[in-house]
Each structure stands twice: as structure tokens, then as C-alpha cells.
Amino acid sequence: MYIFTYRFSKPDEVFMFNTTDALRSVCLANKSMTFLALDSNHHYHTAKVFGINLNHFRERTAVVIYDMKSEMVHTLPKSSHVTKDTMAKLLIDFLENRAKRHLRSTADLDINFHLYQGKEKSKETIYIETLNSETFNDAVFNNTDNVVVYFYTPFCAYCQVVAHVLLKVARLMRNVKDLKFFRFNASDNDLRWHLTVQTYPSIIIFPAKKKAESYVFPYNTELTSNNLSQFILSNLLLETRLQAMVGLCSVWDSSEDYNKQLHYCLRDIKLDCDANISKSLQSYRRALIYRERNKNVTLTPIFNRLRYLKAFSLILDVTHKLNAKSMQKFSEIYNF
């Protein structure tokens, strides 16, 4: 147990805890514990290793239990006074497996560190926001967004290479409104065990409306912009996937044979769109048969998809260049 102290609080008369229970729990658990008291003014950097910012604790005093076996950290609440009774309660909660795990989290969101600056005339700036332990759940488990999270550490040299690949893909798919890209510094932030990755860099996509079905970019596949794009596309719904595919066609915007490459790219999307129209019509016919047996079968989702695919196909027919105006047309029918 580490005690980072500037000064101890006076005993709280309202909260009294029987310290004998703590001694009894230690005996029953048959565990030994080492107590270390450190001056918080001189050893604040040690507290930072555990993700403890002493400036956020009452009187710059914190009590930390580090379990070496499970590599877990437990602390007193920031607003608690450090007294004999509160320390005894924390000790009992730890020995009886009731103490909550402390998750490291940094408040230094270097949002603009990961930046793609476009051409001056295009007014195009792409940045990937940095998440921490406190903001992760709200950003990732938003049920309406497809979220791609890039897990990295500053000590990973290859992570810097992958960062540029991620920025390139994020720029190409910037026209997809419900596709978000984030990064997460795993060396300074902790997540619950089921969200913790073991290898860096790691990229995980959390699909909209299917957050429990997250997918990890295969570690045995080379992390290139092409492979990453295919991975993301394969985990998107049809409507979102078509929007992203159009954005990927702009990869040839600086190519000498831009018109030729764009023609082939849009043609492939057109073929994919027409194939999905055929599949949707087949689903519609099957649904009509099922509806004769069960009146509760609804055709609305199929109608909406067919209407979207038709509008998307018509725009593809008249699109010969990808500029702000043409991209706006695709965006307008996205929530059609």
C-alpha cells in the first residue's frame, strides 16, 4: 500500500470504522501487505505511474493499493479524508474483492497532434481526436456511429507509420457522416479487461447498432491503406459502405490518368449498387410470400433500401468528377 501524503486529515466523527475487522480480514485472507509512506511533494512522479494526479485529491494526499498479482490499482475516492477508518475500509474492500479498480486516464487530449492538412484552396483539415478512459465509452458506444479506434503507445515506433495510414483512410472517408475515427493512448489510459488489447498498434471497428460485434484488424495482415479500407468497408452497412466507396475513389485525385481511374472506380461501385438492387428485389418478393402467411411482416425496410439504391445509382450515372458539389449530392440522399 502506497500512501502519498502532504498531511493527514483529522478523524471524521461521522464515519467510524472498526479497524479490528480489517485485521481479521487480513488474517482470513492470509496475505501480507507492505505499507510505504511517500512525501507527495517530492514523489509526485511515482503517483503519476499509477495514473494518480495528486492535485485532484484532497490535501494532495492519496492512498493506493497495488496488487502485483492481478496488476490492478485501487484508491480511496478523491473527496475522501485519509484517516485510520477510511484506510481500514479500503483494505477490507480490497481483501474481500469489493474494491473498484482504478483506471488511469489522462486529461491531456492532444487533439490536433494527428492532423492532415489539405490544400489551401480546398479548406480541408482532417484530425483524429484522442480519447482517454473517461471519454472512451461515450464516444465509442454511441449506437448511431460506426467507430474506428486506433490503439497505440508512444514507445511503439511502428505505430507512427500506422498513424499516417489511418489519417489517409480517414481523409478519403471524410464524406461519411456516421463513420468516426479516434485514437487511444494505451500507455497512459486503462480500460476494462474486455476492451484491453495486447498488441500495438491495434485497430478495432465498432459498427453502428452492433457494438457487441466489434472486429479487430487481423494482426497477420499488412496494415496498408488499401487493406485497412477493405477491412472498414467489410464491417459497414450497405448504405454507409457505398458512401465510403465513393470517397475512396478520390485517391486518384492527383493522378495523371485521373479521369480514367475515376471512371473505373465509379463503374465498380455502380455494379455493386445494381447487384444490391437485384438482391433487394429478391428479398421483396420473398417478403410478399411471407406476408401472405404472416401479416406482421413489414416491407418498409426493403422499400427504404430500394429507394436509396435507386437514388444512389442515378447520381452515379451523372457523376464524372468528384468535387464538393457531387459529394454533396451523395450526402443529401444518405438520410433519404
Protein backbone atom coordinates (compact mmCIF):
# COMPACT_ATOMS: atom_id res chain seq x y z
CA MET A 1 0.00 0.00 0.00
CA TYR A 2 1.39 3.39 -1.02
CA ILE A 3 0.45 6.48 0.97
CA PHE A 4 1.27 9.74 -0.81
CA THR A 5 0.82 12.36 1.87
CA TYR A 6 1.19 16.05 2.44
CA ARG A 7 -0.72 15.94 5.71
CA PHE A 8 -3.27 13.58 7.23
CA SER A 9 -6.87 14.61 7.79
CA LYS A 10 -8.47 14.81 11.17
CA PRO A 11 -10.67 11.83 12.14
CA ASP A 12 -14.16 12.09 10.74
CA GLU A 13 -16.62 11.75 13.62
CA VAL A 14 -19.49 10.94 11.26
CA PHE A 15 -17.72 7.97 9.69
CA MET A 16 -16.20 5.49 12.14
CA PHE A 17 -14.99 2.06 11.09
CA ASN A 18 -13.96 -0.86 13.26
CA THR A 19 -10.28 -1.38 12.42
CA THR A 20 -10.42 -4.76 14.15
CA ASP A 21 -12.41 -6.01 11.16
CA ALA A 22 -9.54 -5.03 8.90
CA LEU A 23 -7.07 -7.05 10.94
CA ARG A 24 -9.47 -10.01 10.95
CA SER A 25 -9.82 -9.82 7.13
CA VAL A 26 -6.04 -9.82 6.72
CA CYS A 27 -5.77 -12.97 8.82
CA LEU A 28 -8.56 -14.73 6.93
CA ALA A 29 -7.11 -13.76 3.55
CA ASN A 30 -3.65 -14.90 4.65
CA LYS A 31 -2.00 -12.10 2.69
CA SER A 32 0.88 -9.84 3.57
CA MET A 33 0.90 -6.15 2.72
CA THR A 34 3.74 -3.64 2.69
CA PHE A 35 2.97 -0.06 3.72
CA LEU A 36 5.01 2.77 2.20
CA ALA A 37 4.57 6.45 3.06
CA LEU A 38 5.88 8.92 0.46
CA ASP A 39 6.05 12.69 0.53
CA SER A 40 3.66 13.88 -2.18
CA ASN A 41 5.73 17.00 -2.80
CA HIS A 42 8.88 15.05 -3.61
CA HIS A 43 7.49 11.80 -5.06
CA TYR A 44 4.51 13.00 -7.10
CA HIS A 45 6.07 11.38 -10.19
CA THR A 46 5.63 7.96 -8.53
CA ALA A 47 1.92 8.64 -8.16
CA LYS A 48 1.75 9.51 -11.87
CA VAL A 49 2.91 5.97 -12.69
CA PHE A 50 -0.34 4.73 -11.16
CA GLY A 51 -2.35 7.37 -13.00
CA ILE A 52 -2.84 9.46 -9.86
CA ASN A 53 -2.91 13.25 -10.13
CA LEU A 54 -2.36 14.38 -6.54
CA ASN A 55 -3.65 17.86 -7.35
CA HIS A 56 -7.11 16.35 -7.72
CA PHE A 57 -7.05 14.72 -4.28
CA ARG A 58 -7.98 16.31 -1.00
CA GLU A 59 -4.91 17.88 0.64
CA ARG A 60 -2.77 16.28 -2.13
CA THR A 61 -2.95 13.02 -0.18
CA ALA A 62 -3.83 9.66 -1.75
CA VAL A 63 -3.88 6.04 -0.63
CA VAL A 64 -3.07 3.47 -3.31
CA ILE A 65 -3.20 -0.32 -3.17
CA TYR A 66 -1.26 -2.04 -5.94
CA ASP A 67 -1.97 -5.74 -6.42
CA MET A 68 1.10 -7.16 -8.16
CA LYS A 69 -0.60 -10.48 -8.93
CA SER A 70 -3.51 -9.03 -10.87
CA GLU A 71 -1.72 -5.76 -11.82
CA MET A 72 -4.66 -3.74 -10.52
CA VAL A 73 -4.69 -0.42 -8.68
CA HIS A 74 -7.25 0.61 -6.05
CA THR A 75 -7.51 4.04 -4.45
CA LEU A 76 -9.57 5.97 -1.96
CA PRO A 77 -12.10 8.33 -3.58
CA LYS A 78 -10.66 11.75 -4.37
CA SER A 79 -13.02 13.50 -1.97
CA SER A 80 -12.32 11.16 1.00
CA HIS A 81 -10.30 12.16 4.03
CA VAL A 82 -7.32 9.89 4.66
CA THR A 83 -7.93 8.58 8.17
CA LYS A 84 -7.43 5.33 10.01
CA ASP A 85 -11.06 4.39 9.40
CA THR A 86 -11.14 5.13 5.66
CA MET A 87 -7.88 3.25 5.14
CA ALA A 88 -9.26 0.28 7.06
CA LYS A 89 -12.39 0.23 4.92
CA LEU A 90 -10.35 0.36 1.70
CA LEU A 91 -8.20 -2.51 2.98
CA ILE A 92 -11.21 -4.67 3.82
CA ASP A 93 -12.86 -3.94 0.46
CA PHE A 94 -9.64 -4.97 -1.27
CA LEU A 95 -9.26 -8.20 0.71
CA GLU A 96 -12.90 -9.11 0.11
CA ASN A 97 -12.69 -8.25 -3.63
CA ARG A 98 -15.10 -5.32 -3.36
CA ALA A 99 -12.68 -2.50 -4.14
CA LYS A 100 -13.14 -0.88 -7.54
CA ARG A 101 -10.24 -0.93 -9.96
CA HIS A 102 -8.67 2.45 -10.61
CA LEU A 103 -8.39 3.22 -14.32
CA ARG A 104 -5.58 5.51 -15.41
CA SER A 105 -6.79 8.41 -17.51
CA THR A 106 -5.07 11.46 -18.93
CA ALA A 107 -6.85 14.74 -19.38
CA ASP A 108 -4.26 15.97 -21.88
CA LEU A 109 -6.16 15.46 -25.12
CA ASP A 110 -3.62 16.31 -27.81
CA ILE A 111 -6.42 16.51 -30.35
CA ASN A 112 -4.52 18.25 -33.13
CA PHE A 113 -1.42 16.09 -32.86
CA HIS A 114 -2.78 13.77 -35.53
CA LEU A 115 -3.51 16.15 -38.37
CA TYR A 116 -3.93 16.05 -42.13
CA GLN A 117 -3.68 19.50 -43.70
CA GLY A 118 -5.22 19.61 -47.15
CA LYS A 119 -4.62 22.05 -49.95
CA GLU A 120 -5.14 25.69 -49.01
CA LYS A 121 -7.94 26.20 -51.53
CA SER A 122 -9.77 23.04 -50.52
CA LYS A 123 -10.25 24.21 -46.91
CA GLU A 124 -9.77 20.60 -45.89
CA THR A 125 -8.39 19.67 -42.48
CA ILE A 126 -8.70 16.19 -41.03
CA TYR A 127 -7.86 15.40 -37.42
CA ILE A 128 -8.29 12.29 -35.33
CA GLU A 129 -9.42 13.00 -31.80
CA THR A 130 -7.63 11.40 -28.86
CA LEU A 131 -9.76 9.57 -26.30
CA ASN A 132 -8.99 8.78 -22.68
CA SER A 133 -10.54 6.39 -20.18
CA GLU A 134 -13.24 8.89 -19.23
CA THR A 135 -14.35 9.76 -22.76
CA PHE A 136 -13.98 6.32 -24.36
CA ASN A 137 -17.42 4.86 -23.61
CA ASP A 138 -19.44 7.91 -24.68
CA ALA A 139 -17.55 8.22 -27.97
CA VAL A 140 -17.27 4.55 -28.92
CA PHE A 141 -20.56 3.11 -27.72
CA ASN A 142 -22.65 5.72 -29.49
CA ASN A 143 -25.16 3.42 -31.16
CA THR A 144 -25.64 5.62 -34.23
CA ASP A 145 -21.98 5.86 -35.29
CA ASN A 146 -19.52 3.43 -36.82
CA VAL A 147 -16.38 3.98 -34.76
CA VAL A 148 -12.80 3.05 -35.67
CA VAL A 149 -10.37 3.17 -32.73
CA TYR A 150 -6.61 3.12 -33.16
CA PHE A 151 -4.81 1.81 -30.04
CA TYR A 152 -1.18 2.90 -29.76
CA THR A 153 1.65 3.71 -27.36
CA PRO A 154 4.26 6.47 -27.72
CA PHE A 155 7.01 3.86 -27.36
CA CYS A 156 5.88 1.92 -30.44
CA ALA A 157 7.90 3.02 -33.49
CA TYR A 158 5.66 1.18 -35.97
CA CYS A 159 2.64 2.99 -34.51
CA GLN A 160 3.89 6.21 -36.08
CA VAL A 161 3.83 4.56 -39.51
CA VAL A 162 0.32 3.21 -38.99
CA ALA A 163 -0.81 6.65 -37.84
CA HIS A 164 -0.22 8.08 -41.30
CA VAL A 165 -2.10 5.18 -42.89
CA LEU A 166 -5.06 5.84 -40.62
CA LEU A 167 -5.02 9.54 -41.45
CA LYS A 168 -5.06 8.82 -45.15
CA VAL A 169 -8.06 6.48 -44.85
CA ALA A 170 -9.88 8.95 -42.59
CA ARG A 171 -9.38 11.68 -45.20
CA LEU A 172 -10.72 9.50 -48.01
CA MET A 173 -13.79 8.54 -45.98
CA ARG A 174 -14.44 12.01 -44.57
CA ASN A 175 -17.73 12.27 -46.50
CA VAL A 176 -19.33 9.50 -44.40
CA LYS A 177 -21.13 11.33 -41.60
CA ASP A 178 -21.59 8.40 -39.23
CA LEU A 179 -18.06 7.00 -39.55
CA LYS A 180 -15.79 8.32 -36.80
CA PHE A 181 -12.06 7.81 -36.26
CA PHE A 182 -10.42 8.02 -32.83
CA ARG A 183 -7.09 7.12 -31.28
CA PHE A 184 -6.36 5.86 -27.76
CA ASN A 185 -3.06 6.12 -25.90
CA ALA A 186 -2.93 2.82 -24.01
CA SER A 187 0.25 3.67 -22.12
CA ASP A 188 -1.46 6.43 -20.10
CA ASN A 189 -5.03 5.15 -20.02
CA ASP A 190 -6.70 1.96 -18.83
CA LEU A 191 -9.88 0.27 -20.00
CA ARG A 192 -11.85 -2.64 -18.62
CA TRP A 193 -10.32 -6.01 -19.32
CA HIS A 194 -12.62 -6.96 -22.20
CA LEU A 195 -11.57 -3.78 -24.06
CA THR A 196 -7.84 -4.08 -23.39
CA VAL A 197 -5.63 -5.02 -26.34
CA GLN A 198 -2.40 -6.96 -26.01
CA THR A 199 -0.60 -5.86 -29.18
CA TYR A 200 0.19 -2.40 -30.52
CA PRO A 201 -0.77 -0.97 -32.85
CA SER A 202 -4.31 -2.38 -32.89
CA ILE A 203 -7.32 -1.11 -34.83
CA ILE A 204 -10.85 -2.07 -33.82
CA ILE A 205 -14.09 -1.11 -35.52
CA PHE A 206 -17.31 -0.86 -33.51
CA PRO A 207 -20.19 -0.99 -36.04
CA ALA A 208 -23.30 1.12 -35.54
CA LYS A 209 -26.17 -0.69 -33.82
CA LYS A 210 -23.90 -3.72 -33.30
CA LYS A 211 -21.37 -2.59 -30.72
CA ALA A 212 -21.07 -6.08 -29.26
CA GLU A 213 -19.85 -7.33 -32.64
CA SER A 214 -16.60 -5.37 -32.77
CA TYR A 215 -13.84 -6.54 -35.09
CA VAL A 216 -10.05 -6.31 -34.80
CA PHE A 217 -7.90 -5.69 -37.85
CA PRO A 218 -6.08 -9.03 -38.42
CA TYR A 219 -2.57 -8.98 -36.98
CA ASN A 220 -1.29 -11.26 -39.74
CA THR A 221 -2.35 -8.78 -42.46
CA GLU A 222 -0.13 -5.93 -43.59
CA LEU A 223 -1.52 -2.64 -42.37
CA THR A 224 -1.75 -0.62 -45.57
CA SER A 225 -4.30 1.98 -46.62
CA ASN A 226 -5.83 -0.49 -49.09
CA ASN A 227 -6.14 -3.33 -46.56
CA LEU A 228 -7.45 -1.01 -43.86
CA SER A 229 -10.04 0.43 -46.23
CA GLN A 230 -11.24 -3.04 -47.20
CA PHE A 231 -11.44 -4.02 -43.53
CA ILE A 232 -13.58 -0.99 -42.67
CA LEU A 233 -15.83 -1.41 -45.72
CA SER A 234 -16.49 -5.06 -44.88
CA ASN A 235 -17.90 -4.07 -41.49
CA LEU A 236 -20.22 -1.27 -42.62
CA LEU A 237 -23.88 -1.43 -43.54
CA LEU A 238 -24.67 -1.23 -47.25
CA GLU A 239 -25.69 2.44 -47.32
CA THR A 240 -22.65 3.54 -45.35
CA ARG A 241 -20.35 1.29 -47.37
CA LEU A 242 -21.42 2.84 -50.69
CA GLN A 243 -20.78 6.33 -49.34
CA ALA A 244 -17.31 5.30 -48.19
CA MET A 245 -16.53 3.65 -51.53
CA VAL A 246 -17.23 6.91 -53.35
CA GLY A 247 -14.82 8.69 -51.03
CA LEU A 248 -12.12 6.13 -51.78
CA CYS A 249 -12.37 6.96 -55.49
CA SER A 250 -10.78 10.33 -54.72
CA VAL A 251 -7.48 8.55 -54.02
CA TRP A 252 -6.56 9.26 -57.65
CA ASP A 253 -7.27 13.00 -57.48
CA SER A 254 -3.60 13.78 -58.13
CA SER A 255 -3.06 11.03 -60.69
CA GLU A 256 -2.22 11.84 -64.30
CA ASP A 257 -4.90 9.45 -65.58
CA TYR A 258 -7.42 10.69 -63.02
CA ASN A 259 -10.45 10.58 -65.34
CA LYS A 260 -9.72 7.02 -66.44
CA GLN A 261 -9.16 5.71 -62.91
CA LEU A 262 -12.21 7.55 -61.58
CA HIS A 263 -14.33 6.06 -64.37
CA TYR A 264 -13.28 2.53 -63.42
CA CYS A 265 -13.81 3.19 -59.72
CA LEU A 266 -17.31 4.61 -60.13
CA ARG A 267 -18.17 1.82 -62.54
CA ASP A 268 -17.29 -0.78 -59.91
CA ILE A 269 -19.49 0.99 -57.37
CA LYS A 270 -22.29 1.11 -59.95
CA LEU A 271 -22.04 -2.65 -60.48
CA ASP A 272 -22.11 -3.24 -56.74
CA CYS A 273 -25.11 -0.94 -56.37
CA ASP A 274 -27.03 -2.69 -59.17
CA ALA A 275 -26.22 -6.10 -57.66
CA ASN A 276 -27.67 -4.96 -54.34
CA ILE A 277 -30.79 -3.67 -56.08
CA SER A 278 -31.26 -7.15 -57.54
CA LYS A 279 -30.80 -8.75 -54.11
CA SER A 280 -33.25 -6.32 -52.51
CA LEU A 281 -35.87 -7.09 -55.17
CA GLN A 282 -35.45 -10.80 -54.44
CA SER A 283 -35.90 -10.08 -50.73
CA TYR A 284 -39.02 -8.08 -51.57
CA ARG A 285 -40.56 -10.99 -53.49
CA ARG A 286 -39.82 -13.40 -50.65
CA ALA A 287 -41.30 -10.96 -48.15
CA LEU A 288 -44.52 -10.79 -50.19
CA ILE A 289 -44.88 -14.58 -49.88
CA TYR A 290 -44.19 -14.49 -46.12
CA ARG A 291 -46.66 -11.65 -45.72
CA GLU A 292 -49.48 -13.80 -47.04
CA ARG A 293 -48.89 -16.14 -44.10
CA ASN A 294 -47.98 -13.52 -41.52
CA LYS A 295 -49.49 -10.03 -41.73
CA ASN A 296 -46.89 -8.73 -39.25
CA VAL A 297 -44.13 -8.93 -41.86
CA THR A 298 -43.19 -5.36 -42.82
CA LEU A 299 -41.82 -4.27 -46.18
CA THR A 300 -40.76 -0.78 -45.08
CA PRO A 301 -37.02 -1.55 -44.60
CA ILE A 302 -36.82 -3.11 -48.06
CA PHE A 303 -38.68 -0.16 -49.63
CA ASN A 304 -36.30 2.31 -47.95
CA ARG A 305 -33.24 0.42 -49.14
CA LEU A 306 -34.54 0.18 -52.73
CA ARG A 307 -35.36 3.89 -52.76
CA TYR A 308 -31.88 4.75 -51.53
CA LEU A 309 -30.15 2.42 -54.01
CA LYS A 310 -32.17 3.84 -56.89
CA ALA A 311 -31.26 7.43 -55.99
CA PHE A 312 -27.62 6.46 -55.47
CA SER A 313 -27.48 4.67 -58.83
CA LEU A 314 -28.97 7.66 -60.65
CA ILE A 315 -26.38 10.03 -59.16
CA LEU A 316 -23.60 7.64 -60.18
CA ASP A 317 -24.85 7.76 -63.77
CA VAL A 318 -24.35 11.53 -63.98
CA THR A 319 -21.16 11.78 -61.92
CA HIS A 320 -17.98 12.27 -63.92
CA LYS A 321 -15.90 14.22 -61.39
CA LEU A 322 -15.64 14.07 -57.62
CA ASN A 323 -15.84 17.63 -56.33
CA ALA A 324 -17.63 19.33 -53.47
CA LYS A 325 -20.86 19.60 -55.48
CA SER A 326 -21.02 15.94 -56.49
CA MET A 327 -20.07 14.75 -53.00
CA GLN A 328 -22.85 16.92 -51.59
CA LYS A 329 -25.38 15.10 -53.80
CA PHE A 330 -24.33 11.73 -52.35
CA SER A 331 -24.55 13.13 -48.82
CA GLU A 332 -28.06 14.53 -49.41
CA ILE A 333 -29.52 11.10 -50.16
CA TYR A 334 -27.69 9.40 -47.28
CA ASN A 335 -30.60 10.14 -44.92
CA PHE A 336 -33.10 9.85 -47.75
